[in-house]
Amino acid sequence: MANISLVDPAAAPAAVKPTLDQIKGAFGVVPNMFKAVANSPAALTSLWGAFGALGGGTLGARLGEEIAVAIANANACEYCLAAHTALGRKAGATSDEMAAAQAGVSADPRTQAALTFALKVVRDRAAVSADDVATLKAAGFDDEGVVEIIAHVALNLFTNYVNVALDVPVDFPSIALKRAG
């Protein structure tokens, strides 16, 4: 049971109804996370806008979802892990690739560099070094890609915190968290 009310899209206030309608158009339903965030029109507008902006970025949907599952696992966010695993599969990743990304691992060197960097940003509270950035660039990311990875981290931290703090009920197929070794 969520720690706050989930906004019913059918009875949503005018301030959030158009955004919830857009979300329903994109997903076919309004996922519970958006129903929770809809308690704040400003937060919902910000969240949906960030998803849209980053969805049109240079990283691509699949890498964005791989980053999201790694961060969700690091933050023990069962909601985001389930949602982004499903979205990653939709973006072309296999179940095995999403499971590997959840653990921060990829057979692709460019993806591995992005996952390593993103997890370092999360674990070390953004205290990355010039060498960390240089390693990411050596894997094929330019300045735009570096900033975009950090933007994905920030977006996913927000959604992880919303879902964990508010105990948002998972409405995607459940995925087990992996404990760090």
Protein backbone atom coordinates (compact mmCIF):
# COMPACT_ATOMS: atom_id res chain seq x y z
CA MET A 1 0.00 0.00 0.00
CA ALA A 2 1.47 3.33 -1.05
CA ASN A 3 2.30 5.86 1.66
CA ILE A 4 0.32 8.51 -0.24
CA SER A 5 -2.76 8.38 -2.41
CA LEU A 6 -2.45 7.37 -6.03
CA VAL A 7 -4.26 9.86 -8.24
CA ASP A 8 -7.07 8.24 -10.22
CA PRO A 9 -6.51 9.35 -13.83
CA ALA A 10 -10.27 9.30 -14.49
CA ALA A 11 -10.89 11.77 -11.67
CA ALA A 12 -7.59 13.67 -11.86
CA PRO A 13 -7.49 17.39 -11.19
CA ALA A 14 -7.26 19.61 -14.26
CA ALA A 15 -3.65 20.48 -13.41
CA VAL A 16 -2.46 16.90 -14.03
CA LYS A 17 -5.13 15.39 -16.31
CA PRO A 18 -3.49 16.34 -19.64
CA THR A 19 -0.13 14.90 -18.56
CA LEU A 20 -1.72 11.70 -17.26
CA ASP A 21 -3.55 11.41 -20.60
CA GLN A 22 -0.19 11.69 -22.41
CA ILE A 23 1.29 9.02 -20.15
CA LYS A 24 -1.65 6.73 -20.80
CA GLY A 25 -1.16 7.29 -24.52
CA ALA A 26 2.48 6.28 -24.24
CA PHE A 27 2.03 3.23 -21.99
CA GLY A 28 -1.57 2.18 -22.63
CA VAL A 29 -2.18 2.66 -18.89
CA VAL A 30 -0.97 5.10 -16.25
CA PRO A 31 1.67 3.29 -14.18
CA ASN A 32 1.38 3.66 -10.41
CA MET A 33 4.57 5.73 -10.15
CA PHE A 34 2.99 8.48 -12.24
CA LYS A 35 -0.21 8.24 -10.17
CA ALA A 36 1.89 8.88 -7.06
CA VAL A 37 3.87 11.75 -8.57
CA ALA A 38 0.61 13.29 -9.89
CA ASN A 39 -0.03 14.53 -6.35
CA SER A 40 2.29 17.37 -7.38
CA PRO A 41 1.54 18.95 -10.77
CA ALA A 42 5.03 20.49 -10.84
CA ALA A 43 6.76 17.18 -10.09
CA LEU A 44 4.66 15.32 -12.67
CA THR A 45 5.39 17.90 -15.37
CA SER A 46 9.09 17.78 -14.52
CA LEU A 47 9.24 13.99 -14.50
CA TRP A 48 7.32 13.50 -17.75
CA GLY A 49 9.34 16.23 -19.43
CA ALA A 50 12.61 14.61 -18.35
CA PHE A 51 11.51 11.23 -19.69
CA GLY A 52 10.60 12.84 -23.00
CA ALA A 53 13.79 14.87 -23.30
CA LEU A 54 16.11 11.99 -22.44
CA GLY A 55 14.11 9.61 -24.62
CA GLY A 56 15.10 11.81 -27.55
CA GLY A 57 18.74 12.02 -26.48
CA THR A 58 21.83 10.48 -28.00
CA LEU A 59 22.22 7.45 -25.71
CA GLY A 60 19.27 5.54 -27.12
CA ALA A 61 16.44 3.81 -25.33
CA ARG A 62 18.25 0.55 -24.66
CA LEU A 63 21.29 2.09 -22.96
CA GLY A 64 19.02 4.38 -20.96
CA GLU A 65 17.11 1.35 -19.68
CA GLU A 66 20.32 -0.56 -18.91
CA ILE A 67 21.53 2.40 -16.85
CA ALA A 68 18.13 2.57 -15.14
CA VAL A 69 18.16 -1.08 -14.00
CA ALA A 70 21.71 -0.79 -12.66
CA ILE A 71 20.72 2.27 -10.62
CA ALA A 72 17.45 0.71 -9.49
CA ASN A 73 19.29 -2.34 -8.23
CA ALA A 74 21.91 -0.19 -6.45
CA ASN A 75 19.09 1.71 -4.71
CA ALA A 76 16.94 -1.37 -4.02
CA CYS A 77 14.06 0.10 -6.01
CA GLU A 78 11.91 -2.87 -6.96
CA TYR A 79 9.46 -0.67 -8.86
CA CYS A 80 12.05 0.85 -11.20
CA LEU A 81 13.84 -2.46 -11.62
CA ALA A 82 10.61 -4.09 -12.82
CA ALA A 83 9.54 -1.16 -15.01
CA HIS A 84 12.90 -0.57 -16.68
CA THR A 85 13.55 -4.27 -17.23
CA ALA A 86 10.28 -4.43 -19.17
CA LEU A 87 11.11 -1.24 -21.05
CA GLY A 88 14.63 -2.49 -21.81
CA ARG A 89 13.19 -5.67 -23.32
CA LYS A 90 10.89 -3.48 -25.41
CA ALA A 91 13.96 -1.48 -26.51
CA GLY A 92 15.65 -4.62 -27.85
CA ALA A 93 17.69 -6.04 -24.97
CA THR A 94 17.38 -9.70 -24.05
CA SER A 95 16.40 -10.85 -20.57
CA ASP A 96 20.00 -11.94 -20.00
CA GLU A 97 21.34 -8.54 -21.08
CA MET A 98 18.96 -6.74 -18.73
CA ALA A 99 19.92 -9.09 -15.88
CA ALA A 100 23.58 -8.37 -16.55
CA ALA A 101 22.94 -4.62 -16.67
CA GLN A 102 21.12 -4.89 -13.36
CA ALA A 103 24.41 -6.15 -11.91
CA GLY A 104 26.30 -3.35 -13.68
CA VAL A 105 27.76 -5.68 -16.31
CA SER A 106 27.70 -5.73 -20.11
CA ALA A 107 29.58 -7.65 -22.79
CA ASP A 108 29.61 -4.45 -24.85
CA PRO A 109 32.60 -2.27 -23.80
CA ARG A 110 30.76 1.02 -24.46
CA THR A 111 27.75 -0.07 -22.39
CA GLN A 112 30.06 -1.38 -19.67
CA ALA A 113 31.80 1.99 -19.47
CA ALA A 114 28.45 3.78 -19.16
CA LEU A 115 27.22 1.42 -16.44
CA THR A 116 30.47 1.67 -14.49
CA PHE A 117 30.39 5.45 -14.67
CA ALA A 118 26.70 5.75 -13.78
CA LEU A 119 27.10 3.47 -10.77
CA LYS A 120 30.17 5.40 -9.61
CA VAL A 121 28.15 8.64 -9.82
CA VAL A 122 25.46 7.01 -7.65
CA ARG A 123 27.72 5.30 -5.13
CA ASP A 124 30.21 8.14 -4.76
CA ARG A 125 27.62 10.93 -4.86
CA ALA A 126 29.03 12.27 -8.14
CA ALA A 127 32.60 12.44 -6.83
CA VAL A 128 34.07 11.14 -10.07
CA SER A 129 37.57 11.98 -11.24
CA ALA A 130 38.93 13.34 -14.48
CA ASP A 131 40.19 9.80 -15.12
CA ASP A 132 36.65 8.43 -14.75
CA VAL A 133 35.41 10.88 -17.37
CA ALA A 134 38.42 10.14 -19.61
CA THR A 135 37.65 6.41 -19.40
CA LEU A 136 34.07 7.08 -20.44
CA LYS A 137 35.26 9.22 -23.35
CA ALA A 138 37.76 6.55 -24.42
CA ALA A 139 34.79 4.16 -24.68
CA GLY A 140 33.19 6.43 -27.27
CA PHE A 141 31.21 9.04 -25.35
CA ASP A 142 31.61 12.73 -26.11
CA ASP A 143 30.80 15.59 -23.73
CA GLU A 144 27.11 15.37 -24.66
CA GLY A 145 27.05 11.67 -23.81
CA VAL A 146 28.79 12.23 -20.48
CA VAL A 147 26.24 14.87 -19.46
CA GLU A 148 23.38 12.73 -20.70
CA ILE A 149 24.50 9.76 -18.59
CA ILE A 150 24.53 12.04 -15.54
CA ALA A 151 21.04 13.26 -16.48
CA HIS A 152 19.83 9.64 -16.63
CA VAL A 153 21.35 9.08 -13.19
CA ALA A 154 19.55 12.11 -11.78
CA LEU A 155 16.21 11.13 -13.29
CA ASN A 156 16.52 7.58 -12.01
CA LEU A 157 17.52 8.71 -8.53
CA PHE A 158 14.34 10.79 -8.40
CA THR A 159 12.12 7.90 -9.51
CA ASN A 160 13.91 5.45 -7.20
CA TYR A 161 13.43 7.77 -4.25
CA VAL A 162 9.75 8.35 -5.06
CA ASN A 163 9.02 4.65 -5.35
CA VAL A 164 11.01 3.53 -2.31
CA ALA A 165 10.01 6.39 0.00
CA LEU A 166 6.34 6.23 -0.94
CA ASP A 167 6.17 2.42 -1.24
CA VAL A 168 4.53 2.64 -4.65
CA PRO A 169 2.94 -0.72 -5.58
CA VAL A 170 4.77 -2.42 -8.45
CA ASP A 171 2.53 -2.82 -11.49
CA PHE A 172 5.08 -4.40 -13.83
CA PRO A 173 6.32 -8.04 -13.79
CA SER A 174 8.47 -8.38 -10.68
CA ILE A 175 12.27 -8.78 -10.93
CA ALA A 176 14.37 -9.90 -7.98
CA LEU A 177 16.96 -7.47 -6.66
CA LYS A 178 20.59 -8.62 -6.75
CA ARG A 179 22.58 -8.06 -3.64
CA ALA A 180 25.99 -6.48 -4.11
CA GLY A 181 28.80 -8.93 -3.60
